[in-house]
C-alpha atoms as a PDB file:
ATOM      1  CA  MET A   1       6.683  -9.529  32.575  1.00  0.00           C
ATOM      2  CA  PHE A   2       5.777  -5.487  31.956  1.00  0.00           C
ATOM      3  CA  ASN A   3       8.807  -4.025  29.955  1.00  0.00           C
ATOM      4  CA  ARG A   4      10.152  -0.839  29.476  1.00  0.00           C
ATOM      5  CA  ARG A   5       7.463   0.073  27.076  1.00  0.00           C
ATOM      6  CA  ASP A   6       4.539  -1.198  29.873  1.00  0.00           C
ATOM      7  CA  THR A   7       6.931   0.280  32.341  1.00  0.00           C
ATOM      8  CA  LEU A   8       6.312   3.947  30.792  1.00  0.00           C
ATOM      9  CA  LEU A   9       2.916   4.267  30.600  1.00  0.00           C
ATOM     10  CA  MET A  10       1.954   2.787  33.777  1.00  0.00           C
ATOM     11  CA  SER A  11       4.199   5.207  35.268  1.00  0.00           C
ATOM     12  CA  VAL A  12       2.265   7.763  33.476  1.00  0.00           C
ATOM     13  CA  ALA A  13      -1.006   6.962  34.604  1.00  0.00           C
ATOM     14  CA  ALA A  14       0.224   6.387  37.852  1.00  0.00           C
ATOM     15  CA  ALA A  15       1.815   9.812  38.567  1.00  0.00           C
ATOM     16  CA  ILE A  16      -1.733  11.948  37.264  1.00  0.00           C
ATOM     17  CA  SER A  17      -3.043   9.729  40.796  1.00  0.00           C
ATOM     18  CA  MET A  18      -0.560  10.359  43.464  1.00  0.00           C
ATOM     19  CA  VAL A  19      -3.371  12.378  45.756  1.00  0.00           C
ATOM     20  CA  VAL A  20      -6.295  10.586  46.636  1.00  0.00           C
ATOM     21  CA  PRO A  21      -8.780  12.848  48.325  1.00  0.00           C
ATOM     22  CA  ALA A  22      -8.984  11.484  51.901  1.00  0.00           C
ATOM     23  CA  MET A  23     -13.095   9.487  52.544  1.00  0.00           C
ATOM     24  CA  ALA A  24     -15.741  11.258  54.367  1.00  0.00           C
ATOM     25  CA  ALA A  25     -17.012  10.052  57.601  1.00  0.00           C
ATOM     26  CA  GLY A  26     -20.248   8.777  57.108  1.00  0.00           C
ATOM     27  CA  GLU A  27     -21.265  10.027  53.554  1.00  0.00           C
ATOM     28  CA  ALA A  28     -24.773   9.583  52.821  1.00  0.00           C
ATOM     29  CA  VAL A  29     -26.006   6.705  49.982  1.00  0.00           C
ATOM     30  CA  PRO A  30     -26.322   9.058  47.301  1.00  0.00           C
ATOM     31  CA  GLU A  31     -29.519   7.935  45.201  1.00  0.00           C
ATOM     32  CA  PRO A  32     -29.705   6.408  41.864  1.00  0.00           C
ATOM     33  CA  VAL A  33     -31.786   8.424  39.811  1.00  0.00           C
ATOM     34  CA  GLY A  34     -32.926   4.788  38.043  1.00  0.00           C
ATOM     35  CA  THR A  35     -31.924   0.768  37.823  1.00  0.00           C
ATOM     36  CA  VAL A  36     -31.499  -1.414  34.748  1.00  0.00           C
ATOM     37  CA  ASP A  37     -31.805  -5.461  34.450  1.00  0.00           C
ATOM     38  CA  VAL A  38     -28.593  -6.983  36.011  1.00  0.00           C
ATOM     39  CA  ALA A  39     -29.492  -9.764  33.198  1.00  0.00           C
ATOM     40  CA  LYS A  40     -30.117  -7.085  30.352  1.00  0.00           C
ATOM     41  CA  LEU A  41     -26.786  -4.904  31.299  1.00  0.00           C
ATOM     42  CA  MET A  42     -24.574  -7.102  31.158  1.00  0.00           C
ATOM     43  CA  GLN A  43     -25.338  -9.671  27.919  1.00  0.00           C
ATOM     44  CA  PRO A  44     -22.596  -9.211  25.480  1.00  0.00           C
ATOM     45  CA  GLY A  45     -22.239  -6.394  23.040  1.00  0.00           C
ATOM     46  CA  THR A  46     -20.345  -6.229  20.172  1.00  0.00           C
ATOM     47  CA  LEU A  47     -17.354  -5.452  21.669  1.00  0.00           C
ATOM     48  CA  ASP A  48     -15.653  -7.874  24.586  1.00  0.00           C
ATOM     49  CA  ASP A  49     -15.769  -6.238  27.832  1.00  0.00           C
ATOM     50  CA  MET A  50     -13.185  -5.055  29.646  1.00  0.00           C
ATOM     51  CA  ILE A  51     -12.468  -6.486  33.560  1.00  0.00           C
ATOM     52  CA  LEU A  52     -10.684  -4.205  35.855  1.00  0.00           C
ATOM     53  CA  GLY A  53     -10.657  -6.560  39.008  1.00  0.00           C
ATOM     54  CA  ASN A  54     -11.788 -10.566  39.703  1.00  0.00           C
ATOM     55  CA  ALA A  55     -14.731 -11.456  37.720  1.00  0.00           C
ATOM     56  CA  ASP A  56     -16.671 -13.503  40.790  1.00  0.00           C
ATOM     57  CA  ALA A  57     -16.693  -9.367  42.177  1.00  0.00           C
ATOM     58  CA  PRO A  58     -19.924  -9.521  44.263  1.00  0.00           C
ATOM     59  CA  VAL A  59     -20.302  -5.739  43.070  1.00  0.00           C
ATOM     60  CA  THR A  60     -20.361  -4.180  39.444  1.00  0.00           C
ATOM     61  CA  ILE A  61     -19.279  -1.215  38.375  1.00  0.00           C
ATOM     62  CA  VAL A  62     -20.394   0.117  34.814  1.00  0.00           C
ATOM     63  CA  GLU A  63     -18.735   3.193  33.267  1.00  0.00           C
ATOM     64  CA  TYR A  64     -19.582   5.138  29.999  1.00  0.00           C
ATOM     65  CA  ALA A  65     -17.463   7.563  29.663  1.00  0.00           C
ATOM     66  CA  SER A  66     -16.019   9.705  26.590  1.00  0.00           C
ATOM     67  CA  MET A  67     -11.875  10.766  26.747  1.00  0.00           C
ATOM     68  CA  ALA A  68     -12.975  13.913  26.168  1.00  0.00           C
ATOM     69  CA  CYS A  69     -15.466  14.559  28.933  1.00  0.00           C
ATOM     70  CA  SER A  70     -14.058  16.482  31.456  1.00  0.00           C
ATOM     71  CA  HIS A  71     -15.940  15.100  34.794  1.00  0.00           C
ATOM     72  CA  CYS A  72     -15.123  11.852  33.605  1.00  0.00           C
ATOM     73  CA  ALA A  73     -11.402  12.518  33.441  1.00  0.00           C
ATOM     74  CA  ASP A  74     -12.054  13.710  37.013  1.00  0.00           C
ATOM     75  CA  PHE A  75     -13.628  10.630  38.185  1.00  0.00           C
ATOM     76  CA  THR A  76     -10.425   8.908  36.613  1.00  0.00           C
ATOM     77  CA  ALA A  77      -7.717  10.668  38.558  1.00  0.00           C
ATOM     78  CA  GLN A  78      -9.361  11.753  41.486  1.00  0.00           C
ATOM     79  CA  THR A  79     -11.903   8.621  42.854  1.00  0.00           C
ATOM     80  CA  LEU A  80     -10.584   5.469  40.486  1.00  0.00           C
ATOM     81  CA  PRO A  81      -7.687   5.450  43.015  1.00  0.00           C
ATOM     82  CA  ALA A  82      -8.687   5.041  45.654  1.00  0.00           C
ATOM     83  CA  ILE A  83     -11.619   2.488  44.390  1.00  0.00           C
ATOM     84  CA  LYS A  84      -8.914   0.134  43.059  1.00  0.00           C
ATOM     85  CA  GLN A  85      -6.935   0.583  46.661  1.00  0.00           C
ATOM     86  CA  LYS A  86     -10.052  -0.398  48.899  1.00  0.00           C
ATOM     87  CA  TYR A  87     -12.723  -2.391  46.925  1.00  0.00           C
ATOM     88  CA  ILE A  88     -11.199  -3.691  43.315  1.00  0.00           C
ATOM     89  CA  SER A  89      -7.903  -5.219  44.356  1.00  0.00           C
ATOM     90  CA  THR A  90      -9.334  -7.061  47.312  1.00  0.00           C
ATOM     91  CA  GLY A  91     -12.177  -8.239  45.624  1.00  0.00           C
ATOM     92  CA  LYS A  92     -15.068  -6.761  47.170  1.00  0.00           C
ATOM     93  CA  ALA A  93     -16.204  -4.980  43.284  1.00  0.00           C
ATOM     94  CA  LYS A  94     -15.054  -4.855  39.559  1.00  0.00           C
ATOM     95  CA  LEU A  95     -15.298  -2.244  36.941  1.00  0.00           C
ATOM     96  CA  ILE A  96     -16.576  -2.336  33.695  1.00  0.00           C
ATOM     97  CA  PHE A  97     -15.226   0.540  31.188  1.00  0.00           C
ATOM     98  CA  ARG A  98     -17.639   0.834  28.063  1.00  0.00           C
ATOM     99  CA  GLU A  99     -17.038   3.299  25.471  1.00  0.00           C
ATOM    100  CA  MET A 100     -19.428   6.609  24.814  1.00  0.00           C
ATOM    101  CA  PRO A 101     -17.552   8.667  22.414  1.00  0.00           C
ATOM    102  CA  LEU A 102     -19.301  12.353  22.011  1.00  0.00           C
ATOM    103  CA  GLU A 103     -17.081  13.531  19.270  1.00  0.00           C
ATOM    104  CA  PRO A 104     -14.380  11.992  16.849  1.00  0.00           C
ATOM    105  CA  ARG A 105     -11.211  12.104  18.906  1.00  0.00           C
ATOM    106  CA  SER A 106     -12.768   9.636  21.162  1.00  0.00           C
ATOM    107  CA  THR A 107     -14.141   7.646  19.080  1.00  0.00           C
ATOM    108  CA  GLY A 108     -10.483   7.141  17.635  1.00  0.00           C
ATOM    109  CA  ILE A 109      -8.859   6.928  21.246  1.00  0.00           C
ATOM    110  CA  PHE A 110     -11.274   4.248  21.957  1.00  0.00           C
ATOM    111  CA  MET A 111     -10.538   2.419  18.472  1.00  0.00           C
ATOM    112  CA  LEU A 112      -6.723   2.671  19.565  1.00  0.00           C
ATOM    113  CA  ALA A 113      -7.220   1.318  22.930  1.00  0.00           C
ATOM    114  CA  ARG A 114      -8.914  -1.860  21.718  1.00  0.00           C
ATOM    115  CA  CYS A 115      -6.116  -2.494  19.625  1.00  0.00           C
ATOM    116  CA  VAL A 116      -3.680  -2.837  22.270  1.00  0.00           C
ATOM    117  CA  THR A 117      -2.702  -6.076  24.062  1.00  0.00           C
ATOM    118  CA  LYS A 118      -6.102  -6.067  26.902  1.00  0.00           C
ATOM    119  CA  GLU A 119      -3.058  -5.562  29.920  1.00  0.00           C
ATOM    120  CA  ARG A 120      -2.299  -2.072  28.176  1.00  0.00           C
ATOM    121  CA  TYR A 121      -5.917  -1.056  27.850  1.00  0.00           C
ATOM    122  CA  TYR A 122      -6.302   0.410  30.872  1.00  0.00           C
ATOM    123  CA  PRO A 123      -3.007   2.262  31.303  1.00  0.00           C
ATOM    124  CA  PHE A 124      -3.941   3.707  27.974  1.00  0.00           C
ATOM    125  CA  ILE A 125      -6.910   5.159  28.716  1.00  0.00           C
ATOM    126  CA  GLU A 126      -5.293   6.497  32.081  1.00  0.00           C
ATOM    127  CA  THR A 127      -2.619   8.205  30.279  1.00  0.00           C
ATOM    128  CA  LEU A 128      -4.916   9.706  28.005  1.00  0.00           C
ATOM    129  CA  PHE A 129      -7.804  11.088  30.556  1.00  0.00           C
ATOM    130  CA  GLY A 130      -4.197  12.146  32.259  1.00  0.00           C
ATOM    131  CA  HIS A 131      -3.782  14.483  29.789  1.00  0.00           C
ATOM    132  CA  GLN A 132      -6.723  15.415  28.727  1.00  0.00           C
ATOM    133  CA  ARG A 133      -5.854  18.860  28.151  1.00  0.00           C
ATOM    134  CA  GLN A 134      -2.680  18.788  25.872  1.00  0.00           C
ATOM    135  CA  TRP A 135      -4.647  15.948  23.580  1.00  0.00           C
ATOM    136  CA  ILE A 136      -7.473  18.740  23.340  1.00  0.00           C
ATOM    137  CA  GLU A 137      -5.274  21.550  22.927  1.00  0.00           C
ATOM    138  CA  THR A 138      -2.594  20.544  20.345  1.00  0.00           C
ATOM    139  CA  LYS A 139      -3.145  20.973  16.829  1.00  0.00           C
ATOM    140  CA  ASP A 140      -1.381  18.142  15.605  1.00  0.00           C
ATOM    141  CA  ILE A 141      -3.895  14.764  17.312  1.00  0.00           C
ATOM    142  CA  LEU A 142      -2.719  12.390  15.357  1.00  0.00           C
ATOM    143  CA  GLY A 143       0.955  12.893  16.334  1.00  0.00           C
ATOM    144  CA  TYR A 144       0.159  12.976  20.201  1.00  0.00           C
ATOM    145  CA  LEU A 145      -1.751  10.074  19.833  1.00  0.00           C
ATOM    146  CA  GLN A 146       0.337   7.705  17.732  1.00  0.00           C
ATOM    147  CA  GLN A 147       3.054   8.571  20.218  1.00  0.00           C
ATOM    148  CA  THR A 148       1.123   7.973  22.965  1.00  0.00           C
ATOM    149  CA  SER A 149       0.027   4.535  20.726  1.00  0.00           C
ATOM    150  CA  LYS A 150       3.963   4.216  20.796  1.00  0.00           C
ATOM    151  CA  LEU A 151       4.265   3.989  24.605  1.00  0.00           C
ATOM    152  CA  ALA A 152       1.639   1.342  24.550  1.00  0.00           C
ATOM    153  CA  GLY A 153       3.466  -0.920  21.714  1.00  0.00           C
ATOM    154  CA  LEU A 154       2.119  -0.217  18.833  1.00  0.00           C
ATOM    155  CA  SER A 155       3.395   0.620  15.561  1.00  0.00           C
ATOM    156  CA  GLU A 156       3.239   3.056  13.005  1.00  0.00           C
ATOM    157  CA  GLN A 157       1.319   0.862  10.689  1.00  0.00           C
ATOM    158  CA  GLU A 158      -0.659  -0.903  13.428  1.00  0.00           C
ATOM    159  CA  PHE A 159      -2.382   2.840  14.292  1.00  0.00           C
ATOM    160  CA  LYS A 160      -2.503   3.287  11.146  1.00  0.00           C
ATOM    161  CA  SER A 161      -4.126   0.405  10.668  1.00  0.00           C
ATOM    162  CA  CYS A 162      -6.317   0.778  13.616  1.00  0.00           C
ATOM    163  CA  LEU A 163      -8.089   4.032  13.131  1.00  0.00           C
ATOM    164  CA  ALA A 164      -8.907   3.185   9.509  1.00  0.00           C
ATOM    165  CA  ASP A 165     -10.980  -0.343  10.835  1.00  0.00           C
ATOM    166  CA  GLN A 166     -14.350   0.531   9.605  1.00  0.00           C
ATOM    167  CA  ALA A 167     -15.668  -2.799  11.456  1.00  0.00           C
ATOM    168  CA  LEU A 168     -13.542  -1.918  14.939  1.00  0.00           C
ATOM    169  CA  LEU A 169     -15.591   1.950  14.353  1.00  0.00           C
ATOM    170  CA  ASN A 170     -18.806   0.583  13.874  1.00  0.00           C
ATOM    171  CA  LYS A 171     -18.708  -1.813  16.607  1.00  0.00           C
ATOM    172  CA  VAL A 172     -17.128   1.219  18.793  1.00  0.00           C
ATOM    173  CA  ASN A 173     -20.527   2.980  17.988  1.00  0.00           C
ATOM    174  CA  ALA A 174     -22.485   0.335  18.581  1.00  0.00           C
ATOM    175  CA  VAL A 175     -21.401   0.605  21.845  1.00  0.00           C
ATOM    176  CA  ARG A 176     -23.075   3.867  22.185  1.00  0.00           C
ATOM    177  CA  GLU A 177     -26.495   3.505  20.661  1.00  0.00           C
ATOM    178  CA  ARG A 178     -27.087   0.781  22.574  1.00  0.00           C
ATOM    179  CA  ALA A 179     -25.882   2.656  25.917  1.00  0.00           C
ATOM    180  CA  LEU A 180     -28.477   5.189  24.598  1.00  0.00           C
ATOM    181  CA  LYS A 181     -30.746   3.292  23.550  1.00  0.00           C
ATOM    182  CA  GLU A 182     -30.832   0.275  25.683  1.00  0.00           C
ATOM    183  CA  PHE A 183     -29.789   2.003  29.130  1.00  0.00           C
ATOM    184  CA  GLY A 184     -30.850   5.879  29.208  1.00  0.00           C
ATOM    185  CA  VAL A 185     -27.169   6.964  28.764  1.00  0.00           C
ATOM    186  CA  THR A 186     -27.331  10.389  27.360  1.00  0.00           C
ATOM    187  CA  GLY A 187     -24.407  12.060  29.161  1.00  0.00           C
ATOM    188  CA  THR A 188     -21.009  10.874  30.536  1.00  0.00           C
ATOM    189  CA  PRO A 189     -19.790   9.690  33.355  1.00  0.00           C
ATOM    190  CA  THR A 190     -22.845   7.737  33.841  1.00  0.00           C
ATOM    191  CA  PHE A 191     -22.742   4.921  36.418  1.00  0.00           C
ATOM    192  CA  PHE A 192     -24.075   1.310  36.845  1.00  0.00           C
ATOM    193  CA  VAL A 193     -23.735  -0.326  39.956  1.00  0.00           C
ATOM    194  CA  ASN A 194     -25.050  -3.271  40.319  1.00  0.00           C
ATOM    195  CA  GLY A 195     -27.857  -1.368  37.984  1.00  0.00           C
ATOM    196  CA  LYS A 196     -28.257   1.061  40.197  1.00  0.00           C
ATOM    197  CA  LYS A 197     -27.608   4.545  37.651  1.00  0.00           C
ATOM    198  CA  TYR A 198     -25.756   7.104  38.923  1.00  0.00           C
ATOM    199  CA  VAL A 199     -24.577   9.938  36.733  1.00  0.00           C
ATOM    200  CA  GLY A 200     -21.766  12.309  36.863  1.00  0.00           C
ATOM    201  CA  ALA A 201     -18.261  12.519  38.388  1.00  0.00           C
ATOM    202  CA  LEU A 202     -18.457  11.028  42.089  1.00  0.00           C
ATOM    203  CA  SER A 203     -15.969  12.031  45.100  1.00  0.00           C
ATOM    204  CA  VAL A 204     -14.941   8.499  46.233  1.00  0.00           C
ATOM    205  CA  ALA A 205     -16.769   8.808  49.701  1.00  0.00           C
ATOM    206  CA  GLN A 206     -19.774   8.919  47.591  1.00  0.00           C
ATOM    207  CA  MET A 207     -18.400   5.490  45.065  1.00  0.00           C
ATOM    208  CA  SER A 208     -17.296   3.926  48.365  1.00  0.00           C
ATOM    209  CA  ALA A 209     -20.896   4.839  50.590  1.00  0.00           C
ATOM    210  CA  ILE A 210     -22.662   3.401  47.390  1.00  0.00           C
ATOM    211  CA  ILE A 211     -20.673   0.218  47.371  1.00  0.00           C
ATOM    212  CA  ASP A 212     -20.990  -0.064  50.727  1.00  0.00           C
ATOM    213  CA  SER A 213     -24.299  -0.322  50.604  1.00  0.00           C
ATOM    214  CA  GLU A 214     -24.442  -2.712  47.671  1.00  0.00           C
ATOM    215  CA  LEU A 215     -22.181  -5.035  49.609  1.00  0.00           C
ATOM    216  CA  LYS A 216     -24.231  -5.344  52.700  1.00  0.00           C
ATOM    217  CA  THR A 217     -26.924  -6.352  50.796  1.00  0.00           C
ATOM    218  CA  ALA A 218     -25.211  -8.689  49.046  1.00  0.00           C
ATOM    219  CA  ARG A 219     -24.160 -10.758  52.902  1.00  0.00           C
END
């Protein structure tokens, strides 16, 4: 059951994505820039995959993102809500978000996201993407993140302990290094849709075309 903290956090995340662009009819399927072995991509890493949707969905979207990446924030606000509604909530696709921090603040946010409960992981990430400009421009990043973490259920001591967790830091960095060395991820956002690689913030129409193509193949 959700409590008041859950409601506040999820309402903030929802508020940033009220406007969903209409899908363009007949959108051509974007060409992938490469492919990777799906079995290798899905092998367990140093951190458990956080799956949004049905784990048995026929289409698997793996997103590598950095919290300070503006295109990642754009995808989360402008594309993801429609993809959730049409494909993820209907069991056609699942999303796996993987950490690719490109600067220290993103690393800290990813650590905190791993310290909140699993149910609050995605609302926490989406909230901070939605308020990206605020925490990038603030002179008190720790204070800002502590307040956001409090909404997600972390006490002040849990917040401090999380950011001081060297083992967790090493795991987050290992996810990034694996993405770079094994899958050739050099920028964000990078998506793998059933192993096919796409780079950049995909629109609703583009991502829909990609997923629809994969669903046809799976039949």
